[in-house]
Amino acid sequence: MPTLEHAAPRARLGALPPLAPLAAGALVAALDLLFPALCPVCRTPLGPGRRDPLCGPCWGGIARIEPPWCEACGLPLSAPRPVPVVAAPAPPAGGGAGDGGAPERVSFRAEGGPPSPSASVLCGACEARPPAYDWGRAAARYEGPLREALHALKFGGRRALARPLADLLVEQCGAALPADAVVVPVPLGRDRERARGFNQAALIAGRAAKRLGLGLERRWLARVRATSPQSELAAAERSANVRGAFRASPEVRGRHVLLVDDVMTTGATLAECARAVAAAGAARVGVLAVARVL
């Protein structure tokens, strides 16, 4: 029989009668038996612990970034961290994206976001030169299954991977996010988005905003000139490549903006986006990345 990557049950079944959870679980089991859903990373059938379309081992194998971290940029630290972290709740048993239910909406702090770097632990780079944004976080290290999943999303067109990647971002970082923030994805150049067919940052940001109950504004930040792919450049060339490449809408004035991207490497792109948003009058700017190169 052919192998298919079928959608998560809630998206596939739509509105269901009161016995929906049991019925959805039975139908998923039947579909997996007849048309085994394969993980796009390791190509093995999905099983226990799955987070569609990732299998359980790939989802569990993601190297999540845990505290302590730099309060300015989110870089993992080895020193003790003085400010306790409130962990985002995981989806309830029987209600995760891989077993038929919708992920639980994450609750978060309402005190304005992560603690001020002036009163917290900083990495050496941020002590020497504060970043262009007020605070930054990344969910996991850019390695192993996460690296492969991001490659499959961006270069293999596996859009369904935006679901678990957004969930990873929310579950690792969502508990500390401000309640009044607006999510803004990092824009792609027009030609690149047209060729790819989508902006992966926008897909991830859209699901993350929905789970967090935050506003999403795709048009508050625009790329106003074409740039070379950052992945093709040396670290020293990346800042110059994106300098002046973004323009923010006046609507950001006075708002707490959360910039969302898929990967943070040197941080040059997110920093330039933050400068554009700050120049347009944003009150605070935070940056969120699914993965960070360490």
C-alpha atoms as a PDB file:
ATOM      1  CA  MET A   1       0.000   0.000   0.000  1.00  0.00           C
ATOM      2  CA  PRO A   2       1.216   3.585  -0.594  1.00  0.00           C
ATOM      3  CA  THR A   3       2.543   5.637   2.281  1.00  0.00           C
ATOM      4  CA  LEU A   4       1.041   9.018   3.006  1.00  0.00           C
ATOM      5  CA  GLU A   5       1.649  11.835   5.424  1.00  0.00           C
ATOM      6  CA  HIS A   6      -1.943  12.442   6.462  1.00  0.00           C
ATOM      7  CA  ALA A   7      -2.989  15.489   8.414  1.00  0.00           C
ATOM      8  CA  ALA A   8      -3.585  15.626  12.151  1.00  0.00           C
ATOM      9  CA  PRO A   9      -7.030  14.240  12.949  1.00  0.00           C
ATOM     10  CA  ARG A  10      -8.687  17.484  14.062  1.00  0.00           C
ATOM     11  CA  ALA A  11      -7.830  19.201  10.795  1.00  0.00           C
ATOM     12  CA  ARG A  12      -8.984  16.174   8.816  1.00  0.00           C
ATOM     13  CA  LEU A  13     -12.251  15.414  10.586  1.00  0.00           C
ATOM     14  CA  GLY A  14     -13.640  18.884  11.250  1.00  0.00           C
ATOM     15  CA  ALA A  15     -16.653  19.105  13.564  1.00  0.00           C
ATOM     16  CA  LEU A  16     -17.385  15.790  15.246  1.00  0.00           C
ATOM     17  CA  PRO A  17     -20.121  14.514  17.594  1.00  0.00           C
ATOM     18  CA  PRO A  18     -19.614  14.236  21.398  1.00  0.00           C
ATOM     19  CA  LEU A  19     -17.547  11.039  21.087  1.00  0.00           C
ATOM     20  CA  ALA A  20     -15.045  12.898  18.901  1.00  0.00           C
ATOM     21  CA  PRO A  21     -11.850  12.078  20.879  1.00  0.00           C
ATOM     22  CA  LEU A  22     -12.513   8.326  20.829  1.00  0.00           C
ATOM     23  CA  ALA A  23     -13.717   8.372  17.252  1.00  0.00           C
ATOM     24  CA  ALA A  24     -10.766  10.464  16.118  1.00  0.00           C
ATOM     25  CA  GLY A  25      -8.303   8.138  17.833  1.00  0.00           C
ATOM     26  CA  ALA A  26      -9.886   5.066  16.245  1.00  0.00           C
ATOM     27  CA  LEU A  27      -9.864   6.668  12.815  1.00  0.00           C
ATOM     28  CA  VAL A  28      -6.219   7.726  13.134  1.00  0.00           C
ATOM     29  CA  ALA A  29      -5.295   4.154  14.112  1.00  0.00           C
ATOM     30  CA  ALA A  30      -7.201   2.796  11.112  1.00  0.00           C
ATOM     31  CA  LEU A  31      -5.582   5.268   8.725  1.00  0.00           C
ATOM     32  CA  ASP A  32      -2.132   4.511  10.105  1.00  0.00           C
ATOM     33  CA  LEU A  33      -2.754   0.811   9.537  1.00  0.00           C
ATOM     34  CA  LEU A  34      -3.942   1.243   5.956  1.00  0.00           C
ATOM     35  CA  PHE A  35      -1.813   4.224   4.900  1.00  0.00           C
ATOM     36  CA  PRO A  36       1.097   4.552   7.359  1.00  0.00           C
ATOM     37  CA  ALA A  37       1.982   8.179   8.006  1.00  0.00           C
ATOM     38  CA  LEU A  38       5.744   8.632   7.741  1.00  0.00           C
ATOM     39  CA  CYS A  39       7.874  11.135   9.607  1.00  0.00           C
ATOM     40  CA  PRO A  40       9.364  13.583   7.074  1.00  0.00           C
ATOM     41  CA  VAL A  41      12.652  13.599   8.997  1.00  0.00           C
ATOM     42  CA  CYS A  42      13.454   9.919   9.549  1.00  0.00           C
ATOM     43  CA  ARG A  43      10.874   8.319   7.211  1.00  0.00           C
ATOM     44  CA  THR A  44       9.627   5.875   9.853  1.00  0.00           C
ATOM     45  CA  PRO A  45       5.930   5.377  10.709  1.00  0.00           C
ATOM     46  CA  LEU A  46       4.520   7.726  13.324  1.00  0.00           C
ATOM     47  CA  GLY A  47       3.891   6.148  16.700  1.00  0.00           C
ATOM     48  CA  PRO A  48       3.646   6.931  20.408  1.00  0.00           C
ATOM     49  CA  GLY A  49       4.645  10.470  21.356  1.00  0.00           C
ATOM     50  CA  ARG A  50       4.123  11.703  17.810  1.00  0.00           C
ATOM     51  CA  ARG A  51       3.627  15.395  17.108  1.00  0.00           C
ATOM     52  CA  ASP A  52       2.234  15.276  13.592  1.00  0.00           C
ATOM     53  CA  PRO A  53       3.886  15.085  11.216  1.00  0.00           C
ATOM     54  CA  LEU A  54       6.965  14.360  13.382  1.00  0.00           C
ATOM     55  CA  CYS A  55       7.350  10.948  14.989  1.00  0.00           C
ATOM     56  CA  GLY A  56       7.823  10.583  18.731  1.00  0.00           C
ATOM     57  CA  PRO A  57      11.599   9.938  18.647  1.00  0.00           C
ATOM     58  CA  CYS A  58      12.254  12.959  16.401  1.00  0.00           C
ATOM     59  CA  TRP A  59      10.027  15.223  18.521  1.00  0.00           C
ATOM     60  CA  GLY A  60      11.656  13.972  21.725  1.00  0.00           C
ATOM     61  CA  GLY A  61      15.128  14.200  20.176  1.00  0.00           C
ATOM     62  CA  ILE A  62      14.982  17.968  19.702  1.00  0.00           C
ATOM     63  CA  ALA A  63      17.662  19.596  21.881  1.00  0.00           C
ATOM     64  CA  ARG A  64      15.571  22.172  23.734  1.00  0.00           C
ATOM     65  CA  ILE A  65      17.253  25.207  25.264  1.00  0.00           C
ATOM     66  CA  GLU A  66      16.785  25.199  29.016  1.00  0.00           C
ATOM     67  CA  PRO A  67      17.746  27.815  31.633  1.00  0.00           C
ATOM     68  CA  PRO A  68      20.031  29.422  32.556  1.00  0.00           C
ATOM     69  CA  TRP A  69      20.218  31.709  29.520  1.00  0.00           C
ATOM     70  CA  CYS A  70      21.215  35.277  28.755  1.00  0.00           C
ATOM     71  CA  GLU A  71      18.280  37.567  29.543  1.00  0.00           C
ATOM     72  CA  ALA A  72      19.121  39.806  26.584  1.00  0.00           C
ATOM     73  CA  CYS A  73      19.624  37.361  23.712  1.00  0.00           C
ATOM     74  CA  GLY A  74      18.594  33.959  25.107  1.00  0.00           C
ATOM     75  CA  LEU A  75      22.014  32.336  24.706  1.00  0.00           C
ATOM     76  CA  PRO A  76      22.346  29.307  27.029  1.00  0.00           C
ATOM     77  CA  LEU A  77      24.641  29.985  29.980  1.00  0.00           C
ATOM     78  CA  SER A  78      26.488  27.767  32.416  1.00  0.00           C
ATOM     79  CA  ALA A  79      26.176  30.140  35.365  1.00  0.00           C
ATOM     80  CA  PRO A  80      23.217  29.895  37.791  1.00  0.00           C
ATOM     81  CA  ARG A  81      20.266  32.041  36.779  1.00  0.00           C
ATOM     82  CA  PRO A  82      18.734  34.221  39.527  1.00  0.00           C
ATOM     83  CA  VAL A  83      15.269  34.589  37.966  1.00  0.00           C
ATOM     84  CA  PRO A  84      13.085  31.432  37.992  1.00  0.00           C
ATOM     85  CA  VAL A  85      11.457  30.387  34.726  1.00  0.00           C
ATOM     86  CA  VAL A  86       7.778  29.448  34.520  1.00  0.00           C
ATOM     87  CA  ALA A  87       7.527  26.485  32.164  1.00  0.00           C
ATOM     88  CA  ALA A  88       4.854  26.494  29.487  1.00  0.00           C
ATOM     89  CA  PRO A  89       2.291  23.727  30.018  1.00  0.00           C
ATOM     90  CA  ALA A  90       2.424  20.755  27.673  1.00  0.00           C
ATOM     91  CA  PRO A  91      -0.731  19.666  25.828  1.00  0.00           C
ATOM     92  CA  PRO A  92      -2.946  17.539  28.107  1.00  0.00           C
ATOM     93  CA  ALA A  93      -2.958  13.768  27.789  1.00  0.00           C
ATOM     94  CA  GLY A  94      -5.150  12.812  24.880  1.00  0.00           C
ATOM     95  CA  GLY A  95      -5.224  16.375  23.575  1.00  0.00           C
ATOM     96  CA  GLY A  96      -1.929  16.855  21.723  1.00  0.00           C
ATOM     97  CA  ALA A  97      -1.607  17.575  18.037  1.00  0.00           C
ATOM     98  CA  GLY A  98      -0.451  14.046  17.352  1.00  0.00           C
ATOM     99  CA  ASP A  99      -3.330  12.174  18.972  1.00  0.00           C
ATOM    100  CA  GLY A 100      -6.424  13.962  17.794  1.00  0.00           C
ATOM    101  CA  GLY A 101      -6.779  17.035  20.000  1.00  0.00           C
ATOM    102  CA  ALA A 102      -5.809  20.673  19.596  1.00  0.00           C
ATOM    103  CA  PRO A 103      -2.773  21.852  21.594  1.00  0.00           C
ATOM    104  CA  GLU A 104      -3.693  23.655  24.786  1.00  0.00           C
ATOM    105  CA  ARG A 105      -3.448  27.435  24.677  1.00  0.00           C
ATOM    106  CA  VAL A 106      -0.429  28.532  26.664  1.00  0.00           C
ATOM    107  CA  SER A 107      -0.781  31.016  29.494  1.00  0.00           C
ATOM    108  CA  PHE A 108       1.915  33.612  29.993  1.00  0.00           C
ATOM    109  CA  ARG A 109       3.016  36.487  32.181  1.00  0.00           C
ATOM    110  CA  ALA A 110       1.378  39.872  31.865  1.00  0.00           C
ATOM    111  CA  GLU A 111       4.158  41.968  33.433  1.00  0.00           C
ATOM    112  CA  GLY A 112       5.582  43.132  30.135  1.00  0.00           C
ATOM    113  CA  GLY A 113       7.725  40.237  28.993  1.00  0.00           C
ATOM    114  CA  PRO A 114      11.069  38.797  30.038  1.00  0.00           C
ATOM    115  CA  PRO A 115      12.962  40.519  32.853  1.00  0.00           C
ATOM    116  CA  SER A 116      14.964  43.636  32.089  1.00  0.00           C
ATOM    117  CA  PRO A 117      18.554  42.726  31.101  1.00  0.00           C
ATOM    118  CA  SER A 118      19.837  45.430  33.455  1.00  0.00           C
ATOM    119  CA  ALA A 119      18.731  43.324  36.425  1.00  0.00           C
ATOM    120  CA  SER A 120      19.570  39.882  35.053  1.00  0.00           C
ATOM    121  CA  VAL A 121      22.365  37.632  33.889  1.00  0.00           C
ATOM    122  CA  LEU A 122      23.914  38.572  30.548  1.00  0.00           C
ATOM    123  CA  CYS A 123      26.306  36.731  28.258  1.00  0.00           C
ATOM    124  CA  GLY A 124      29.668  38.320  27.553  1.00  0.00           C
ATOM    125  CA  ALA A 125      28.621  39.600  24.114  1.00  0.00           C
ATOM    126  CA  CYS A 126      25.522  41.354  25.450  1.00  0.00           C
ATOM    127  CA  GLU A 127      27.448  42.836  28.363  1.00  0.00           C
ATOM    128  CA  ALA A 128      29.924  44.330  25.917  1.00  0.00           C
ATOM    129  CA  ARG A 129      27.299  45.436  23.394  1.00  0.00           C
ATOM    130  CA  PRO A 130      23.543  45.170  24.096  1.00  0.00           C
ATOM    131  CA  PRO A 131      21.523  43.793  21.167  1.00  0.00           C
ATOM    132  CA  ALA A 132      19.225  45.916  19.012  1.00  0.00           C
ATOM    133  CA  TYR A 133      16.176  44.290  20.617  1.00  0.00           C
ATOM    134  CA  ASP A 134      15.006  44.348  24.235  1.00  0.00           C
ATOM    135  CA  TRP A 135      15.074  40.583  24.711  1.00  0.00           C
ATOM    136  CA  GLY A 136      15.412  37.393  22.714  1.00  0.00           C
ATOM    137  CA  ARG A 137      14.617  33.699  23.075  1.00  0.00           C
ATOM    138  CA  ALA A 138      15.077  30.529  21.022  1.00  0.00           C
ATOM    139  CA  ALA A 139      13.313  27.239  21.623  1.00  0.00           C
ATOM    140  CA  ALA A 140      16.021  24.724  20.750  1.00  0.00           C
ATOM    141  CA  ARG A 141      19.442  24.142  19.276  1.00  0.00           C
ATOM    142  CA  TYR A 142      19.794  24.031  15.498  1.00  0.00           C
ATOM    143  CA  GLU A 143      20.916  20.432  15.279  1.00  0.00           C
ATOM    144  CA  GLY A 144      19.660  16.875  14.850  1.00  0.00           C
ATOM    145  CA  PRO A 145      15.951  16.356  14.136  1.00  0.00           C
ATOM    146  CA  LEU A 146      15.142  20.061  14.407  1.00  0.00           C
ATOM    147  CA  ARG A 147      17.672  21.005  11.757  1.00  0.00           C
ATOM    148  CA  GLU A 148      16.309  18.320   9.442  1.00  0.00           C
ATOM    149  CA  ALA A 149      12.714  19.387  10.100  1.00  0.00           C
ATOM    150  CA  LEU A 150      13.503  23.014   9.273  1.00  0.00           C
ATOM    151  CA  HIS A 151      15.254  21.973   6.073  1.00  0.00           C
ATOM    152  CA  ALA A 152      12.254  19.847   5.093  1.00  0.00           C
ATOM    153  CA  LEU A 153       9.935  22.787   5.727  1.00  0.00           C
ATOM    154  CA  LYS A 154      11.965  25.448   3.927  1.00  0.00           C
ATOM    155  CA  PHE A 155      13.495  23.509   1.066  1.00  0.00           C
ATOM    156  CA  GLY A 156      11.237  20.459   0.832  1.00  0.00           C
ATOM    157  CA  GLY A 157       7.917  22.280   0.970  1.00  0.00           C
ATOM    158  CA  ARG A 158       6.641  20.271   3.970  1.00  0.00           C
ATOM    159  CA  ARG A 159       4.340  23.008   5.258  1.00  0.00           C
ATOM    160  CA  ALA A 160       2.717  20.713   7.842  1.00  0.00           C
ATOM    161  CA  LEU A 161       5.966  20.922   9.823  1.00  0.00           C
ATOM    162  CA  ALA A 162       5.109  24.511  10.741  1.00  0.00           C
ATOM    163  CA  ARG A 163       2.585  23.083  13.247  1.00  0.00           C
ATOM    164  CA  PRO A 164       4.990  21.217  15.560  1.00  0.00           C
ATOM    165  CA  LEU A 165       7.695  23.858  15.113  1.00  0.00           C
ATOM    166  CA  ALA A 166       5.312  26.585  16.257  1.00  0.00           C
ATOM    167  CA  ASP A 167       4.210  24.375  19.150  1.00  0.00           C
ATOM    168  CA  LEU A 168       7.855  23.930  20.137  1.00  0.00           C
ATOM    169  CA  LEU A 169       8.343  27.706  20.158  1.00  0.00           C
ATOM    170  CA  VAL A 170       5.228  28.260  22.269  1.00  0.00           C
ATOM    171  CA  GLU A 171       5.890  25.467  24.745  1.00  0.00           C
ATOM    172  CA  GLN A 172       9.509  26.501  25.329  1.00  0.00           C
ATOM    173  CA  CYS A 173       9.100  30.291  25.305  1.00  0.00           C
ATOM    174  CA  GLY A 174       5.404  31.115  25.653  1.00  0.00           C
ATOM    175  CA  ALA A 175       5.169  31.243  29.440  1.00  0.00           C
ATOM    176  CA  ALA A 176       7.324  34.380  29.622  1.00  0.00           C
ATOM    177  CA  LEU A 177       5.711  36.357  26.807  1.00  0.00           C
ATOM    178  CA  PRO A 178       3.785  39.592  27.414  1.00  0.00           C
ATOM    179  CA  ALA A 179      -0.002  39.489  27.140  1.00  0.00           C
ATOM    180  CA  ASP A 180      -0.272  42.694  25.100  1.00  0.00           C
ATOM    181  CA  ALA A 181       2.317  41.871  22.437  1.00  0.00           C
ATOM    182  CA  VAL A 182       1.753  41.622  18.694  1.00  0.00           C
ATOM    183  CA  VAL A 183       3.439  38.854  16.684  1.00  0.00           C
ATOM    184  CA  VAL A 184       5.217  39.958  13.496  1.00  0.00           C
ATOM    185  CA  PRO A 185       6.967  37.405  11.249  1.00  0.00           C
ATOM    186  CA  VAL A 186      10.277  38.238   9.597  1.00  0.00           C
ATOM    187  CA  PRO A 187       9.433  38.829   5.915  1.00  0.00           C
ATOM    188  CA  LEU A 188      11.014  37.063   2.969  1.00  0.00           C
ATOM    189  CA  GLY A 189      11.950  38.846  -0.230  1.00  0.00           C
ATOM    190  CA  ARG A 190       9.171  38.751  -2.829  1.00  0.00           C
ATOM    191  CA  ASP A 191      11.096  36.657  -5.338  1.00  0.00           C
ATOM    192  CA  ARG A 192      12.176  34.135  -2.728  1.00  0.00           C
ATOM    193  CA  GLU A 193       8.683  33.812  -1.267  1.00  0.00           C
ATOM    194  CA  ARG A 194       7.197  33.441  -4.741  1.00  0.00           C
ATOM    195  CA  ALA A 195       9.699  30.709  -5.618  1.00  0.00           C
ATOM    196  CA  ARG A 196       9.191  28.862  -2.325  1.00  0.00           C
ATOM    197  CA  GLY A 197       5.434  29.368  -2.281  1.00  0.00           C
ATOM    198  CA  PHE A 198       5.307  30.493   1.360  1.00  0.00           C
ATOM    199  CA  ASN A 199       7.183  32.263   4.127  1.00  0.00           C
ATOM    200  CA  GLN A 200       8.096  29.698   6.773  1.00  0.00           C
ATOM    201  CA  ALA A 201       8.393  32.380   9.469  1.00  0.00           C
ATOM    202  CA  ALA A 202       4.833  33.532   8.717  1.00  0.00           C
ATOM    203  CA  LEU A 203       3.472  29.969   8.940  1.00  0.00           C
ATOM    204  CA  ILE A 204       5.155  29.424  12.311  1.00  0.00           C
ATOM    205  CA  ALA A 205       4.190  32.863  13.614  1.00  0.00           C
ATOM    206  CA  GLY A 206       0.549  32.373  12.646  1.00  0.00           C
ATOM    207  CA  ARG A 207       0.117  29.163  14.624  1.00  0.00           C
ATOM    208  CA  ALA A 208       2.147  30.478  17.562  1.00  0.00           C
ATOM    209  CA  ALA A 209       0.032  33.643  17.777  1.00  0.00           C
ATOM    210  CA  LYS A 210      -3.163  31.603  17.697  1.00  0.00           C
ATOM    211  CA  ARG A 211      -2.013  29.344  20.532  1.00  0.00           C
ATOM    212  CA  LEU A 212      -0.916  32.322  22.599  1.00  0.00           C
ATOM    213  CA  GLY A 213      -4.043  34.344  21.892  1.00  0.00           C
ATOM    214  CA  LEU A 214      -1.936  37.217  20.545  1.00  0.00           C
ATOM    215  CA  GLY A 215      -2.497  39.453  17.561  1.00  0.00           C
ATOM    216  CA  LEU A 216      -0.691  38.694  14.297  1.00  0.00           C
ATOM    217  CA  GLU A 217       0.362  41.428  11.867  1.00  0.00           C
ATOM    218  CA  ARG A 218       2.114  40.241   8.716  1.00  0.00           C
ATOM    219  CA  ARG A 219       2.204  43.703   7.121  1.00  0.00           C
ATOM    220  CA  TRP A 220       3.802  45.648   9.949  1.00  0.00           C
ATOM    221  CA  LEU A 221       7.258  44.791   8.628  1.00  0.00           C
ATOM    222  CA  ALA A 222       8.348  44.692   4.984  1.00  0.00           C
ATOM    223  CA  ARG A 223      11.548  43.811   3.182  1.00  0.00           C
ATOM    224  CA  VAL A 224      12.233  46.807   0.960  1.00  0.00           C
ATOM    225  CA  ARG A 225      15.222  45.494  -0.969  1.00  0.00           C
ATOM    226  CA  ALA A 226      16.468  42.122  -2.088  1.00  0.00           C
ATOM    227  CA  THR A 227      19.285  40.496  -0.127  1.00  0.00           C
ATOM    228  CA  SER A 228      21.493  37.487  -0.646  1.00  0.00           C
ATOM    229  CA  PRO A 229      20.569  34.362   1.366  1.00  0.00           C
ATOM    230  CA  GLN A 230      22.229  34.731   4.757  1.00  0.00           C
ATOM    231  CA  SER A 231      23.155  31.026   4.758  1.00  0.00           C
ATOM    232  CA  GLU A 232      25.523  31.671   1.838  1.00  0.00           C
ATOM    233  CA  LEU A 233      27.474  34.401   3.634  1.00  0.00           C
ATOM    234  CA  ALA A 234      30.204  34.462   6.253  1.00  0.00           C
ATOM    235  CA  ALA A 235      29.231  35.782   9.676  1.00  0.00           C
ATOM    236  CA  ALA A 236      31.057  39.075   9.107  1.00  0.00           C
ATOM    237  CA  GLU A 237      29.097  39.733   5.890  1.00  0.00           C
ATOM    238  CA  ARG A 238      25.608  39.113   7.230  1.00  0.00           C
ATOM    239  CA  SER A 239      25.016  42.457   8.950  1.00  0.00           C
ATOM    240  CA  ALA A 240      26.007  44.393   5.836  1.00  0.00           C
ATOM    241  CA  ASN A 241      23.809  42.171   3.684  1.00  0.00           C
ATOM    242  CA  VAL A 242      20.603  43.064   5.564  1.00  0.00           C
ATOM    243  CA  ARG A 243      21.441  46.654   6.572  1.00  0.00           C
ATOM    244  CA  GLY A 244      18.526  48.900   5.619  1.00  0.00           C
ATOM    245  CA  ALA A 245      16.608  45.987   4.097  1.00  0.00           C
ATOM    246  CA  PHE A 246      13.490  46.343   6.283  1.00  0.00           C
ATOM    247  CA  ARG A 247      10.886  49.018   6.917  1.00  0.00           C
ATOM    248  CA  ALA A 248       8.252  48.983   9.651  1.00  0.00           C
ATOM    249  CA  SER A 249       4.737  50.371   9.535  1.00  0.00           C
ATOM    250  CA  PRO A 250       3.848  53.383  11.734  1.00  0.00           C
ATOM    251  CA  GLU A 251       1.279  51.069  13.349  1.00  0.00           C
ATOM    252  CA  VAL A 252       4.032  49.603  15.538  1.00  0.00           C
ATOM    253  CA  ARG A 253       4.258  52.878  17.453  1.00  0.00           C
ATOM    254  CA  GLY A 254       3.845  52.311  21.186  1.00  0.00           C
ATOM    255  CA  ARG A 255       3.409  48.537  20.798  1.00  0.00           C
ATOM    256  CA  HIS A 256       5.328  45.551  22.165  1.00  0.00           C
ATOM    257  CA  VAL A 257       6.369  43.705  19.018  1.00  0.00           C
ATOM    258  CA  LEU A 258       7.436  40.041  18.934  1.00  0.00           C
ATOM    259  CA  LEU A 259       9.527  39.313  15.845  1.00  0.00           C
ATOM    260  CA  VAL A 260       9.404  35.633  14.868  1.00  0.00           C
ATOM    261  CA  ASP A 261      11.865  33.768  12.639  1.00  0.00           C
ATOM    262  CA  ASP A 262      12.720  30.128  12.083  1.00  0.00           C
ATOM    263  CA  VAL A 263      16.483  30.185  12.754  1.00  0.00           C
ATOM    264  CA  MET A 264      18.846  32.584  14.522  1.00  0.00           C
ATOM    265  CA  THR A 265      22.448  32.174  13.393  1.00  0.00           C
ATOM    266  CA  THR A 266      24.411  35.372  14.029  1.00  0.00           C
ATOM    267  CA  GLY A 267      21.205  37.270  14.807  1.00  0.00           C
ATOM    268  CA  ALA A 268      21.913  39.844  12.078  1.00  0.00           C
ATOM    269  CA  THR A 269      18.507  39.565  10.381  1.00  0.00           C
ATOM    270  CA  LEU A 270      16.482  39.772  13.593  1.00  0.00           C
ATOM    271  CA  ALA A 271      18.649  42.657  14.825  1.00  0.00           C
ATOM    272  CA  GLU A 272      18.061  44.650  11.628  1.00  0.00           C
ATOM    273  CA  CYS A 273      14.321  43.944  11.820  1.00  0.00           C
ATOM    274  CA  ALA A 274      14.378  45.140  15.438  1.00  0.00           C
ATOM    275  CA  ARG A 275      16.123  48.376  14.433  1.00  0.00           C
ATOM    276  CA  ALA A 276      13.449  49.054  11.815  1.00  0.00           C
ATOM    277  CA  VAL A 277      10.634  48.388  14.278  1.00  0.00           C
ATOM    278  CA  ALA A 278      12.256  50.501  17.001  1.00  0.00           C
ATOM    279  CA  ALA A 279      12.860  53.347  14.542  1.00  0.00           C
ATOM    280  CA  ALA A 280       9.126  53.322  13.727  1.00  0.00           C
ATOM    281  CA  GLY A 281       8.327  53.879  17.409  1.00  0.00           C
ATOM    282  CA  ALA A 282       7.735  50.448  18.963  1.00  0.00           C
ATOM    283  CA  ALA A 283       7.763  50.601  22.777  1.00  0.00           C
ATOM    284  CA  ARG A 284       9.554  47.250  23.151  1.00  0.00           C
ATOM    285  CA  VAL A 285      10.897  44.669  20.719  1.00  0.00           C
ATOM    286  CA  GLY A 286      11.400  40.981  21.457  1.00  0.00           C
ATOM    287  CA  VAL A 287      12.719  38.336  19.093  1.00  0.00           C
ATOM    288  CA  LEU A 288      11.742  34.668  18.995  1.00  0.00           C
ATOM    289  CA  ALA A 289      13.380  31.898  16.959  1.00  0.00           C
ATOM    290  CA  VAL A 290      12.492  28.239  16.746  1.00  0.00           C
ATOM    291  CA  ALA A 291      16.153  27.255  16.512  1.00  0.00           C
ATOM    292  CA  ARG A 292      19.470  28.831  17.393  1.00  0.00           C
ATOM    293  CA  VAL A 293      22.882  27.998  15.957  1.00  0.00           C
ATOM    294  CA  LEU A 294      25.314  27.572  18.868  1.00  0.00           C
END
